[in-house]
């Protein structure tokens, strides 16, 4: 089965700097999606993930944020920044 292209799409992956979130971000980028990753405190991991995403030739962004204090406001801000 041939994977469909996500060229021209933008994906926002919460927890995208490490583990499963990173794997999802990488797979989306491999399929052509531009990717914004959200991360909490994993600054070094976010930088490494961004470098790997950039190597795939897609547009990238990293957005640091904390959902624990104001989840709805943080989610709105995150989406606005990613788009």
Protein backbone atom coordinates (compact mmCIF):
# COMPACT_ATOMS: atom_id res chain seq x y z
CA UNK A 1 0.00 0.00 0.00
CA UNK A 2 1.34 3.43 -0.94
CA UNK A 3 1.20 6.05 1.83
CA UNK A 4 -0.85 9.08 0.93
CA UNK A 5 0.96 12.39 0.70
CA UNK A 6 0.45 15.04 3.34
CA UNK A 7 2.23 17.67 1.26
CA UNK A 8 0.78 21.09 2.03
CA UNK A 9 -0.76 19.99 5.34
CA UNK A 10 0.36 21.20 8.75
CA UNK A 11 0.34 18.98 11.81
CA UNK A 12 0.60 19.99 15.46
CA UNK A 13 1.98 17.22 17.67
CA UNK A 14 1.74 17.68 21.42
CA UNK A 15 4.58 16.01 23.25
CA UNK A 16 6.39 15.96 19.92
CA UNK A 17 9.94 16.20 21.24
CA UNK A 18 10.22 12.72 22.75
CA UNK A 19 9.06 9.12 22.53
CA UNK A 20 5.74 8.49 20.77
CA UNK A 21 5.10 12.14 19.96
CA UNK A 22 8.49 12.35 18.26
CA UNK A 23 7.80 9.21 16.25
CA UNK A 24 4.46 10.62 15.11
CA UNK A 25 6.05 13.96 14.16
CA UNK A 26 8.76 12.20 12.16
CA UNK A 27 6.26 9.99 10.31
CA UNK A 28 4.09 12.98 9.41
CA UNK A 29 7.14 14.84 8.09
CA UNK A 30 8.25 11.78 6.11
CA UNK A 31 4.87 11.93 4.37
CA UNK A 32 5.38 15.62 3.56
CA UNK A 33 3.49 17.44 6.31
CA UNK A 34 4.86 20.60 7.87
CA UNK A 35 5.17 19.91 11.59
CA UNK A 36 4.89 22.01 14.74
CA UNK A 37 5.88 20.21 17.91
CA UNK A 38 4.78 21.15 21.40
CA UNK A 39 7.01 20.35 24.35
CA UNK A 40 7.09 21.07 28.05
CA UNK A 41 10.58 20.96 29.51
CA UNK A 42 12.47 18.82 27.00
CA UNK A 43 14.38 21.67 25.36
CA UNK A 44 17.38 19.61 24.23
CA UNK A 45 15.15 16.85 22.89
CA UNK A 46 13.02 19.42 21.05
CA UNK A 47 16.13 20.86 19.38
CA UNK A 48 17.25 17.40 18.31
CA UNK A 49 13.80 16.55 16.95
CA UNK A 50 13.68 19.85 15.04
CA UNK A 51 17.03 19.06 13.44
CA UNK A 52 15.79 15.66 12.32
CA UNK A 53 12.55 17.15 10.99
CA UNK A 54 14.42 19.91 9.14
CA UNK A 55 16.55 17.26 7.42
CA UNK A 56 13.33 15.99 5.82
CA UNK A 57 12.80 19.35 4.11
CA UNK A 58 9.50 20.37 5.71
CA UNK A 59 8.61 23.57 7.54
CA UNK A 60 9.00 23.16 11.28
CA UNK A 61 8.25 24.95 14.54
CA UNK A 62 8.68 24.17 18.21
CA UNK A 63 6.37 25.64 20.82
CA UNK A 64 7.04 25.31 24.52
CA UNK A 65 4.06 25.37 26.87
CA UNK A 66 2.50 24.09 30.06
CA UNK A 67 -1.03 22.72 30.02
CA UNK A 68 -1.19 22.14 33.77
CA UNK A 69 -2.14 25.66 34.89
CA UNK A 70 -4.59 26.80 32.19
CA UNK A 71 -5.33 23.94 29.78
CA UNK A 72 -7.91 25.71 27.61
CA UNK A 73 -5.96 28.94 27.31
CA UNK A 74 -2.72 27.08 26.63
CA UNK A 75 -4.40 24.97 23.95
CA UNK A 76 -5.81 28.08 22.21
CA UNK A 77 -2.41 29.78 22.31
CA UNK A 78 -0.69 26.66 21.03
CA UNK A 79 -3.02 26.28 18.06
CA UNK A 80 -2.81 29.98 17.20
CA UNK A 81 0.98 29.88 17.26
CA UNK A 82 1.18 26.69 15.20
CA UNK A 83 -1.14 27.93 12.47
